[in-house]
Each structure stands twice: as C-alpha cells, then as structure tokens.
Amino acid sequence: MSSLTAVIHVGSDPPLGGGMQPAVLFHLYEGGIPRFVAYEVEADEAGPPRLSPFDGAYAPPIESDPSYPVTDLLLATYREGSAIAQRLDVLSEKARANYGRSFREMVFASDVEWGSDGFGRLFEARSQLESHPYEAVVAVGFHAGIDADMQTAIETNLERIDGSTRTLAADRSE
C-alpha cells in the first residue's frame, strides 16, 4: 500500500497577505515504486479550488546524478514561472514534432531515460530551466516516512532552481 510522503505546490505569492496561490500540486506516493501524481488547481471567486488530475504519473529516477524530480515536474506542467518559458515551450513543441511526444508526455509516461526519443530536448530544457530565474514559488512539504534518498533528491534539485523555494519537513524520529 502506498502512502503520501511529500506534497509540492507551485504558484505565486498573493498580492497582499501571506500564503500562496497554487497553480499546480504534486503528491508523492511511496511504497513500491515512488510516483508523483499531478493536479492543476482551478480557482475562481465562486467557490473553493478544484483539482484536475493530469493523466499518468511520474516515477523519478532518483538514482541519477543529478536527479531532476522537481525540474521535470515543472517542465511537464508549469513552465510559466520561468523567465525563459517561451523557449521551453518551443523545445517541448519540437520534441512533439520530432518524436511525437511533448515534455508532459515524456515525464508522465516515465519514459525519459538516457537514449530515449526526445531525451536530448528534455535534457536541454532541464539545463535551461535551472540556469534562468524561476519566478513562481515552489513549496515542498515532507511527511514523516519519506525515503531519505527521495527527500535528498528533491532538496538537491530545489537548490539548483533559481527562485523562491520553501520546505517544511516532519520530524523523522517519529
């Protein structure tokens, strides 16, 4: 049985006050193969936010050095926060035109291994996203029970993102 071990919110700071206005949300489930499930957050003035799931799930290869769990999720869902979002959109469209799948399909099909179709475009996009300012906010909450290697992979990836990141971790001694 898998359990929720981390939650990642991506969005913006509200104009006034505290908190965050989320645009996308990721749940990490562990127990067997760790997988991220992604949701788009749809909000309006009429009621509470609604979560619309993206098709598929992302199994990040955390044994890679470096690992890109957060970067891949941002490329697949919310490039708008990057200063070079237009360039990233172009790379994703080139991948679709040349290989029949965009970054979203590559990430959520968990088929982004070295040598796979479109990997070069994804690798270039990862480098571009991490080397330019990311203006959206990325907030990560870790639950007790998260695999230490997974937590390290996420934290190390956050350090490479040039933008506002926040983390909240549960006490691991529980």
N, C-alpha and C. Protein backbone atom coordinates (compact mmCIF):
# COMPACT_ATOMS: atom_id res chain seq x y z
N MET A 1 0.85 -1.18 0.00
CA MET A 1 0.00 0.00 0.00
C MET A 1 0.89 1.24 0.00
N SER A 2 0.65 2.14 -0.91
CA SER A 2 1.46 3.35 -0.96
C SER A 2 0.91 4.41 -0.03
N SER A 3 1.80 5.31 0.40
CA SER A 3 1.37 6.38 1.29
C SER A 3 1.92 7.71 0.79
N LEU A 4 1.21 8.77 1.10
CA LEU A 4 1.59 10.12 0.73
C LEU A 4 2.78 10.54 1.59
N THR A 5 3.92 10.87 0.95
CA THR A 5 5.10 11.23 1.72
C THR A 5 5.60 12.65 1.45
N ALA A 6 5.11 13.30 0.40
CA ALA A 6 5.50 14.68 0.12
C ALA A 6 4.43 15.35 -0.73
N VAL A 7 4.32 16.66 -0.57
CA VAL A 7 3.40 17.46 -1.37
C VAL A 7 4.18 18.67 -1.87
N ILE A 8 4.08 18.94 -3.17
CA ILE A 8 4.75 20.10 -3.76
C ILE A 8 3.68 21.00 -4.34
N HIS A 9 3.72 22.27 -3.94
CA HIS A 9 2.83 23.29 -4.50
C HIS A 9 3.66 24.22 -5.37
N VAL A 10 3.14 24.63 -6.52
CA VAL A 10 3.79 25.61 -7.37
C VAL A 10 2.75 26.68 -7.69
N GLY A 11 3.13 27.92 -7.51
CA GLY A 11 2.19 29.00 -7.77
C GLY A 11 2.84 30.34 -7.55
N SER A 12 2.08 31.27 -7.02
CA SER A 12 2.59 32.62 -6.81
C SER A 12 2.20 33.13 -5.44
N ASP A 13 2.94 34.14 -5.00
CA ASP A 13 2.57 34.82 -3.76
C ASP A 13 1.36 35.70 -4.05
N PRO A 14 0.41 35.78 -3.13
CA PRO A 14 -0.74 36.66 -3.35
C PRO A 14 -0.30 38.13 -3.29
N PRO A 15 -1.06 39.03 -3.90
CA PRO A 15 -0.67 40.44 -3.90
C PRO A 15 -0.53 41.02 -2.48
N LEU A 16 -1.42 40.62 -1.60
CA LEU A 16 -1.37 41.09 -0.21
C LEU A 16 -1.51 39.90 0.72
N GLY A 17 -0.85 39.96 1.84
CA GLY A 17 -1.01 38.91 2.83
C GLY A 17 -0.05 37.76 2.63
N GLY A 18 -0.31 36.69 3.36
CA GLY A 18 0.56 35.54 3.31
C GLY A 18 -0.05 34.41 2.53
N GLY A 19 0.60 33.30 2.59
CA GLY A 19 0.11 32.12 1.89
C GLY A 19 0.64 32.03 0.48
N MET A 20 -0.11 31.34 -0.34
CA MET A 20 0.32 31.08 -1.70
C MET A 20 -0.91 30.83 -2.56
N GLN A 21 -0.84 31.23 -3.83
CA GLN A 21 -1.90 30.94 -4.79
C GLN A 21 -1.39 29.81 -5.68
N PRO A 22 -1.77 28.56 -5.37
CA PRO A 22 -1.23 27.43 -6.13
C PRO A 22 -1.81 27.34 -7.54
N ALA A 23 -0.97 26.92 -8.48
CA ALA A 23 -1.40 26.68 -9.86
C ALA A 23 -1.37 25.18 -10.16
N VAL A 24 -0.37 24.48 -9.61
CA VAL A 24 -0.27 23.03 -9.74
C VAL A 24 0.13 22.44 -8.39
N LEU A 25 -0.21 21.19 -8.21
CA LEU A 25 0.04 20.48 -6.97
C LEU A 25 0.51 19.07 -7.32
N PHE A 26 1.51 18.58 -6.59
CA PHE A 26 2.05 17.24 -6.84
C PHE A 26 2.02 16.46 -5.53
N HIS A 27 1.52 15.25 -5.58
CA HIS A 27 1.55 14.35 -4.43
C HIS A 27 2.54 13.24 -4.73
N LEU A 28 3.48 13.00 -3.81
CA LEU A 28 4.41 11.89 -3.94
C LEU A 28 3.90 10.73 -3.11
N TYR A 29 3.68 9.61 -3.77
CA TYR A 29 3.27 8.40 -3.09
C TYR A 29 4.42 7.41 -3.13
N GLU A 30 4.75 6.83 -1.97
CA GLU A 30 5.81 5.84 -1.89
C GLU A 30 5.26 4.55 -1.30
N GLY A 31 5.98 3.49 -1.57
CA GLY A 31 5.55 2.14 -1.19
C GLY A 31 5.56 1.36 -2.49
N GLY A 32 6.65 0.71 -2.77
CA GLY A 32 6.85 0.14 -4.10
C GLY A 32 7.63 1.16 -4.92
N ILE A 33 7.17 1.45 -6.10
CA ILE A 33 7.82 2.45 -6.95
C ILE A 33 7.27 3.83 -6.59
N PRO A 34 8.14 4.77 -6.17
CA PRO A 34 7.64 6.11 -5.84
C PRO A 34 7.10 6.80 -7.09
N ARG A 35 5.94 7.45 -6.94
CA ARG A 35 5.30 8.12 -8.07
C ARG A 35 4.70 9.45 -7.64
N PHE A 36 4.85 10.44 -8.52
CA PHE A 36 4.18 11.73 -8.34
C PHE A 36 2.90 11.72 -9.15
N VAL A 37 1.82 12.17 -8.53
CA VAL A 37 0.56 12.41 -9.21
C VAL A 37 0.37 13.92 -9.22
N ALA A 38 0.00 14.47 -10.38
CA ALA A 38 -0.07 15.93 -10.54
C ALA A 38 -1.50 16.39 -10.76
N TYR A 39 -1.78 17.59 -10.25
CA TYR A 39 -3.10 18.20 -10.38
C TYR A 39 -2.94 19.67 -10.78
N GLU A 40 -3.81 20.12 -11.67
CA GLU A 40 -3.90 21.55 -11.93
C GLU A 40 -4.92 22.11 -10.95
N VAL A 41 -4.60 23.24 -10.34
CA VAL A 41 -5.51 23.87 -9.39
C VAL A 41 -6.31 24.93 -10.14
N GLU A 42 -7.61 24.74 -10.18
CA GLU A 42 -8.50 25.68 -10.84
C GLU A 42 -9.28 26.42 -9.76
N ALA A 43 -9.17 27.74 -9.79
CA ALA A 43 -9.83 28.54 -8.77
C ALA A 43 -10.58 29.70 -9.41
N ASP A 44 -11.69 30.04 -8.80
CA ASP A 44 -12.42 31.25 -9.18
C ASP A 44 -13.03 31.83 -7.92
N GLU A 45 -13.66 32.95 -8.06
CA GLU A 45 -14.23 33.64 -6.88
C GLU A 45 -15.47 32.94 -6.34
N ALA A 46 -16.08 32.05 -7.13
CA ALA A 46 -17.35 31.46 -6.76
C ALA A 46 -17.26 30.36 -5.70
N GLY A 47 -16.11 29.76 -5.53
CA GLY A 47 -16.06 28.65 -4.59
C GLY A 47 -14.65 28.20 -4.33
N PRO A 48 -14.52 27.03 -3.70
CA PRO A 48 -13.20 26.53 -3.36
C PRO A 48 -12.44 26.07 -4.61
N PRO A 49 -11.13 25.98 -4.52
CA PRO A 49 -10.35 25.49 -5.65
C PRO A 49 -10.71 24.04 -5.99
N ARG A 50 -10.57 23.70 -7.27
CA ARG A 50 -10.82 22.34 -7.74
C ARG A 50 -9.51 21.77 -8.28
N LEU A 51 -9.29 20.50 -8.05
CA LEU A 51 -8.09 19.84 -8.54
C LEU A 51 -8.45 18.98 -9.75
N SER A 52 -7.78 19.24 -10.87
CA SER A 52 -7.96 18.45 -12.09
C SER A 52 -6.70 17.64 -12.31
N PRO A 53 -6.78 16.31 -12.25
CA PRO A 53 -5.56 15.50 -12.38
C PRO A 53 -5.02 15.48 -13.80
N PHE A 54 -3.71 15.43 -13.92
CA PHE A 54 -3.03 15.20 -15.18
C PHE A 54 -3.05 13.69 -15.42
N ASP A 55 -3.07 13.29 -16.67
CA ASP A 55 -3.02 11.86 -16.98
C ASP A 55 -1.64 11.31 -16.63
N GLY A 56 -1.62 10.11 -16.10
CA GLY A 56 -0.37 9.43 -15.82
C GLY A 56 0.24 9.81 -14.49
N ALA A 57 1.41 9.29 -14.22
CA ALA A 57 2.17 9.56 -13.00
C ALA A 57 3.64 9.60 -13.38
N TYR A 58 4.44 10.23 -12.52
CA TYR A 58 5.87 10.38 -12.79
C TYR A 58 6.67 9.61 -11.75
N ALA A 59 7.47 8.66 -12.21
CA ALA A 59 8.37 7.88 -11.34
C ALA A 59 9.77 8.44 -11.55
N PRO A 60 10.22 9.34 -10.68
CA PRO A 60 11.51 9.99 -10.91
C PRO A 60 12.67 9.03 -10.70
N PRO A 61 13.64 9.07 -11.61
CA PRO A 61 14.84 8.24 -11.43
C PRO A 61 15.80 8.92 -10.45
N ILE A 62 15.57 8.75 -9.16
CA ILE A 62 16.36 9.49 -8.16
C ILE A 62 17.78 8.98 -8.04
N GLU A 63 18.07 7.81 -8.62
CA GLU A 63 19.43 7.31 -8.56
C GLU A 63 20.33 8.03 -9.56
N SER A 64 19.75 8.79 -10.49
CA SER A 64 20.55 9.57 -11.44
C SER A 64 21.32 10.65 -10.71
N ASP A 65 22.45 11.04 -11.27
CA ASP A 65 23.27 12.08 -10.64
C ASP A 65 23.60 13.14 -11.68
N PRO A 66 22.93 14.28 -11.65
CA PRO A 66 21.93 14.69 -10.67
C PRO A 66 20.55 14.15 -11.03
N SER A 67 19.67 14.22 -10.05
CA SER A 67 18.29 13.82 -10.23
C SER A 67 17.44 15.07 -10.45
N TYR A 68 16.37 14.97 -11.21
CA TYR A 68 15.56 16.13 -11.59
C TYR A 68 14.08 15.99 -11.23
N PRO A 69 13.71 15.52 -10.06
CA PRO A 69 12.28 15.29 -9.82
C PRO A 69 11.43 16.56 -9.91
N VAL A 70 11.88 17.66 -9.34
CA VAL A 70 11.09 18.90 -9.37
C VAL A 70 11.19 19.57 -10.74
N THR A 71 12.39 19.63 -11.30
CA THR A 71 12.57 20.25 -12.61
C THR A 71 11.69 19.57 -13.66
N ASP A 72 11.67 18.24 -13.68
CA ASP A 72 10.84 17.53 -14.65
C ASP A 72 9.36 17.85 -14.46
N LEU A 73 8.92 17.91 -13.22
CA LEU A 73 7.51 18.24 -12.97
C LEU A 73 7.17 19.65 -13.45
N LEU A 74 8.09 20.59 -13.23
CA LEU A 74 7.86 21.96 -13.70
C LEU A 74 7.83 22.00 -15.22
N LEU A 75 8.74 21.31 -15.88
CA LEU A 75 8.75 21.28 -17.35
C LEU A 75 7.48 20.66 -17.92
N ALA A 76 6.93 19.68 -17.23
CA ALA A 76 5.74 19.00 -17.72
C ALA A 76 4.46 19.77 -17.46
N THR A 77 4.47 20.65 -16.46
CA THR A 77 3.20 21.27 -16.06
C THR A 77 3.19 22.78 -15.96
N TYR A 78 4.27 23.41 -15.49
CA TYR A 78 4.19 24.84 -15.17
C TYR A 78 5.48 25.56 -15.53
N ARG A 79 5.70 25.71 -16.82
CA ARG A 79 6.87 26.44 -17.29
C ARG A 79 6.68 27.95 -17.19
N GLU A 80 5.43 28.39 -16.99
CA GLU A 80 5.11 29.81 -16.96
C GLU A 80 5.91 30.58 -15.91
N GLY A 81 6.38 29.89 -14.88
CA GLY A 81 7.15 30.54 -13.84
C GLY A 81 8.59 30.84 -14.22
N SER A 82 9.03 30.32 -15.36
CA SER A 82 10.42 30.51 -15.76
C SER A 82 10.57 31.74 -16.63
N ALA A 83 11.71 32.42 -16.47
CA ALA A 83 12.00 33.59 -17.28
C ALA A 83 12.14 33.22 -18.76
N ILE A 84 12.38 31.96 -19.06
CA ILE A 84 12.51 31.54 -20.45
C ILE A 84 11.40 30.56 -20.84
N ALA A 85 10.23 30.77 -20.30
CA ALA A 85 9.10 29.87 -20.56
C ALA A 85 8.83 29.70 -22.04
N GLN A 86 8.93 30.77 -22.81
CA GLN A 86 8.65 30.66 -24.24
C GLN A 86 9.65 29.71 -24.91
N ARG A 87 10.91 29.79 -24.56
CA ARG A 87 11.93 28.90 -25.12
C ARG A 87 11.63 27.45 -24.72
N LEU A 88 11.22 27.23 -23.48
CA LEU A 88 10.90 25.88 -23.02
C LEU A 88 9.68 25.33 -23.77
N ASP A 89 8.70 26.19 -24.04
CA ASP A 89 7.53 25.76 -24.82
C ASP A 89 7.95 25.35 -26.23
N VAL A 90 8.88 26.11 -26.83
CA VAL A 90 9.38 25.78 -28.17
C VAL A 90 10.08 24.42 -28.15
N LEU A 91 10.92 24.18 -27.15
CA LEU A 91 11.62 22.88 -27.06
C LEU A 91 10.62 21.73 -26.91
N SER A 92 9.57 21.95 -26.13
CA SER A 92 8.55 20.92 -25.95
C SER A 92 7.82 20.65 -27.26
N GLU A 93 7.51 21.71 -28.00
CA GLU A 93 6.84 21.54 -29.29
C GLU A 93 7.75 20.86 -30.31
N LYS A 94 9.05 21.18 -30.27
CA LYS A 94 9.99 20.49 -31.17
C LYS A 94 10.05 19.00 -30.84
N ALA A 95 10.02 18.67 -29.56
CA ALA A 95 10.01 17.26 -29.17
C ALA A 95 8.74 16.59 -29.69
N ARG A 96 7.61 17.28 -29.60
CA ARG A 96 6.35 16.72 -30.11
C ARG A 96 6.44 16.51 -31.62
N ALA A 97 6.95 17.51 -32.34
CA ALA A 97 7.04 17.43 -33.80
C ALA A 97 8.02 16.33 -34.24
N ASN A 98 9.14 16.22 -33.56
CA ASN A 98 10.17 15.26 -33.98
C ASN A 98 9.96 13.85 -33.45
N TYR A 99 9.40 13.72 -32.24
CA TYR A 99 9.32 12.41 -31.59
C TYR A 99 7.91 12.00 -31.21
N GLY A 100 6.92 12.86 -31.49
CA GLY A 100 5.54 12.51 -31.21
C GLY A 100 5.11 12.64 -29.77
N ARG A 101 5.93 13.31 -28.94
CA ARG A 101 5.54 13.50 -27.53
C ARG A 101 6.22 14.73 -26.96
N SER A 102 5.46 15.46 -26.17
CA SER A 102 5.96 16.67 -25.53
C SER A 102 6.60 16.32 -24.20
N PHE A 103 7.10 17.33 -23.50
CA PHE A 103 7.68 17.08 -22.17
C PHE A 103 6.67 16.46 -21.23
N ARG A 104 5.42 16.91 -21.30
CA ARG A 104 4.39 16.35 -20.41
C ARG A 104 4.26 14.85 -20.65
N GLU A 105 4.19 14.45 -21.90
CA GLU A 105 4.04 13.03 -22.20
C GLU A 105 5.29 12.24 -21.82
N MET A 106 6.46 12.84 -22.00
CA MET A 106 7.69 12.15 -21.61
C MET A 106 7.74 11.91 -20.10
N VAL A 107 7.42 12.94 -19.34
CA VAL A 107 7.52 12.85 -17.88
C VAL A 107 6.45 11.93 -17.31
N PHE A 108 5.21 12.11 -17.72
CA PHE A 108 4.13 11.32 -17.12
C PHE A 108 4.00 9.92 -17.70
N ALA A 109 4.76 9.62 -18.73
CA ALA A 109 4.84 8.24 -19.20
C ALA A 109 6.05 7.56 -18.57
N SER A 110 6.82 8.30 -17.75
CA SER A 110 8.03 7.80 -17.10
C SER A 110 8.99 7.19 -18.11
N ASP A 111 9.12 7.85 -19.23
CA ASP A 111 9.94 7.33 -20.32
C ASP A 111 10.94 8.39 -20.76
N VAL A 112 11.80 8.81 -19.85
CA VAL A 112 12.77 9.87 -20.15
C VAL A 112 14.20 9.39 -19.91
N GLU A 113 14.43 8.10 -20.07
CA GLU A 113 15.75 7.56 -19.83
C GLU A 113 16.74 8.01 -20.91
N TRP A 114 18.00 7.98 -20.55
CA TRP A 114 19.07 8.31 -21.48
C TRP A 114 18.90 7.49 -22.75
N GLY A 115 18.95 8.16 -23.90
CA GLY A 115 18.84 7.48 -25.19
C GLY A 115 17.43 7.34 -25.71
N SER A 116 16.41 7.64 -24.90
CA SER A 116 15.05 7.53 -25.39
C SER A 116 14.74 8.71 -26.32
N ASP A 117 13.74 8.55 -27.16
CA ASP A 117 13.35 9.60 -28.10
C ASP A 117 13.01 10.88 -27.36
N GLY A 118 13.64 11.96 -27.75
CA GLY A 118 13.37 13.27 -27.16
C GLY A 118 14.17 13.57 -25.91
N PHE A 119 14.97 12.63 -25.43
CA PHE A 119 15.72 12.87 -24.19
C PHE A 119 16.64 14.09 -24.32
N GLY A 120 17.26 14.26 -25.48
CA GLY A 120 18.15 15.41 -25.67
C GLY A 120 17.44 16.73 -25.49
N ARG A 121 16.22 16.84 -26.01
CA ARG A 121 15.44 18.07 -25.83
C ARG A 121 15.09 18.28 -24.35
N LEU A 122 14.71 17.21 -23.69
CA LEU A 122 14.38 17.32 -22.27
C LEU A 122 15.61 17.70 -21.46
N PHE A 123 16.76 17.11 -21.77
CA PHE A 123 18.00 17.43 -21.07
C PHE A 123 18.35 18.91 -21.25
N GLU A 124 18.21 19.41 -22.49
CA GLU A 124 18.46 20.83 -22.74
C GLU A 124 17.49 21.71 -21.96
N ALA A 125 16.22 21.33 -21.92
CA ALA A 125 15.23 22.12 -21.20
C ALA A 125 15.50 22.13 -19.70
N ARG A 126 15.93 21.00 -19.15
CA ARG A 126 16.29 20.95 -17.72
C ARG A 126 17.38 21.99 -17.43
N SER A 127 18.41 21.99 -18.26
CA SER A 127 19.52 22.93 -18.06
C SER A 127 19.05 24.37 -18.19
N GLN A 128 18.19 24.64 -19.16
CA GLN A 128 17.68 26.00 -19.38
C GLN A 128 16.84 26.46 -18.18
N LEU A 129 15.94 25.60 -17.71
CA LEU A 129 15.08 25.98 -16.59
C LEU A 129 15.92 26.27 -15.34
N GLU A 130 16.92 25.44 -15.09
CA GLU A 130 17.72 25.60 -13.87
C GLU A 130 18.73 26.73 -13.96
N SER A 131 19.04 27.22 -15.15
CA SER A 131 20.03 28.28 -15.27
C SER A 131 19.42 29.66 -15.45
N HIS A 132 18.10 29.75 -15.45
CA HIS A 132 17.42 31.04 -15.57
C HIS A 132 16.49 31.22 -14.37
N PRO A 133 16.20 32.47 -14.02
CA PRO A 133 15.32 32.72 -12.87
C PRO A 133 13.95 32.05 -13.03
N TYR A 134 13.48 31.48 -11.94
CA TYR A 134 12.14 30.89 -11.88
C TYR A 134 11.33 31.76 -10.95
N GLU A 135 10.33 32.44 -11.49
CA GLU A 135 9.62 33.47 -10.74
C GLU A 135 8.45 32.95 -9.91
N ALA A 136 7.98 31.75 -10.19
CA ALA A 136 6.92 31.18 -9.38
C ALA A 136 7.52 30.66 -8.07
N VAL A 137 6.67 30.34 -7.13
CA VAL A 137 7.10 29.81 -5.83
C VAL A 137 6.92 28.30 -5.84
N VAL A 138 7.91 27.59 -5.33
CA VAL A 138 7.84 26.14 -5.19
C VAL A 138 7.92 25.84 -3.69
N ALA A 139 6.86 25.25 -3.15
CA ALA A 139 6.81 24.93 -1.73
C ALA A 139 6.66 23.42 -1.57
N VAL A 140 7.53 22.82 -0.76
CA VAL A 140 7.53 21.37 -0.57
C VAL A 140 7.30 21.04 0.89
N GLY A 141 6.39 20.14 1.13
CA GLY A 141 6.15 19.62 2.48
C GLY A 141 6.48 18.14 2.51
N PHE A 142 7.36 17.75 3.42
CA PHE A 142 7.74 16.35 3.57
C PHE A 142 7.02 15.76 4.77
N HIS A 143 6.45 14.57 4.59
CA HIS A 143 5.80 13.87 5.69
C HIS A 143 6.78 12.88 6.29
N ALA A 144 6.56 12.55 7.55
CA ALA A 144 7.36 11.51 8.19
C ALA A 144 7.18 10.23 7.37
N GLY A 145 8.25 9.49 7.20
CA GLY A 145 8.19 8.26 6.43
C GLY A 145 8.70 8.38 5.02
N ILE A 146 9.05 9.61 4.58
CA ILE A 146 9.60 9.75 3.23
C ILE A 146 10.96 9.07 3.18
N ASP A 147 11.25 8.42 2.06
CA ASP A 147 12.54 7.79 1.86
C ASP A 147 13.62 8.88 1.89
N ALA A 148 14.68 8.65 2.64
CA ALA A 148 15.75 9.65 2.79
C ALA A 148 16.38 10.02 1.46
N ASP A 149 16.56 9.03 0.57
CA ASP A 149 17.15 9.32 -0.75
C ASP A 149 16.21 10.20 -1.58
N MET A 150 14.91 9.95 -1.49
CA MET A 150 13.94 10.76 -2.23
C MET A 150 13.95 12.20 -1.70
N GLN A 151 13.95 12.36 -0.39
CA GLN A 151 13.97 13.70 0.19
C GLN A 151 15.24 14.44 -0.24
N THR A 152 16.37 13.77 -0.20
CA THR A 152 17.63 14.39 -0.62
C THR A 152 17.58 14.78 -2.09
N ALA A 153 17.03 13.92 -2.94
CA ALA A 153 16.93 14.23 -4.38
C ALA A 153 16.08 15.47 -4.60
N ILE A 154 14.97 15.58 -3.89
CA ILE A 154 14.09 16.76 -4.04
C ILE A 154 14.80 18.01 -3.53
N GLU A 155 15.40 17.93 -2.35
CA GLU A 155 16.07 19.10 -1.77
C GLU A 155 17.25 19.56 -2.63
N THR A 156 18.02 18.61 -3.14
CA THR A 156 19.16 18.96 -4.00
C THR A 156 18.68 19.60 -5.29
N ASN A 157 17.59 19.10 -5.85
CA ASN A 157 17.02 19.69 -7.06
C ASN A 157 16.51 21.10 -6.78
N LEU A 158 15.88 21.31 -5.65
CA LEU A 158 15.40 22.65 -5.29
C LEU A 158 16.54 23.66 -5.21
N GLU A 159 17.70 23.22 -4.73
CA GLU A 159 18.85 24.12 -4.63
C GLU A 159 19.32 24.60 -5.99
N ARG A 160 19.09 23.83 -7.05
CA ARG A 160 19.50 24.22 -8.39
C ARG A 160 18.51 25.14 -9.08
N ILE A 161 17.31 25.27 -8.54
CA ILE A 161 16.29 26.14 -9.13
C ILE A 161 16.51 27.56 -8.61
N ASP A 162 16.68 28.50 -9.52
CA ASP A 162 16.96 29.89 -9.19
C ASP A 162 15.65 30.63 -8.96
N GLY A 163 15.07 30.43 -7.78
CA GLY A 163 13.80 31.06 -7.47
C GLY A 163 13.43 30.84 -6.03
N SER A 164 12.23 31.25 -5.70
CA SER A 164 11.73 31.14 -4.34
C SER A 164 11.28 29.71 -4.06
N THR A 165 11.96 29.05 -3.13
CA THR A 165 11.56 27.71 -2.72
C THR A 165 11.39 27.69 -1.21
N ARG A 166 10.49 26.88 -0.76
CA ARG A 166 10.21 26.75 0.67
C ARG A 166 10.05 25.27 0.98
N THR A 167 10.51 24.87 2.15
CA THR A 167 10.33 23.47 2.55
C THR A 167 9.83 23.39 3.99
N LEU A 168 9.08 22.36 4.24
CA LEU A 168 8.60 22.05 5.58
C LEU A 168 8.76 20.54 5.74
N ALA A 169 9.50 20.13 6.76
CA ALA A 169 9.76 18.71 6.94
C ALA A 169 9.24 18.24 8.28
N ALA A 170 8.65 17.06 8.29
CA ALA A 170 8.18 16.44 9.52
C ALA A 170 9.38 15.91 10.29
N ASP A 171 9.19 15.71 11.57
CA ASP A 171 10.23 15.12 12.40
C ASP A 171 10.42 13.67 11.98
N ARG A 172 11.62 13.32 11.54
CA ARG A 172 11.89 11.97 11.03
C ARG A 172 12.04 10.94 12.17
N SER A 173 12.07 11.39 13.42
CA SER A 173 12.27 10.45 14.51
C SER A 173 10.99 9.74 14.94
N GLU A 174 9.88 10.12 14.36
CA GLU A 174 8.58 9.53 14.76
C GLU A 174 8.48 8.08 14.37
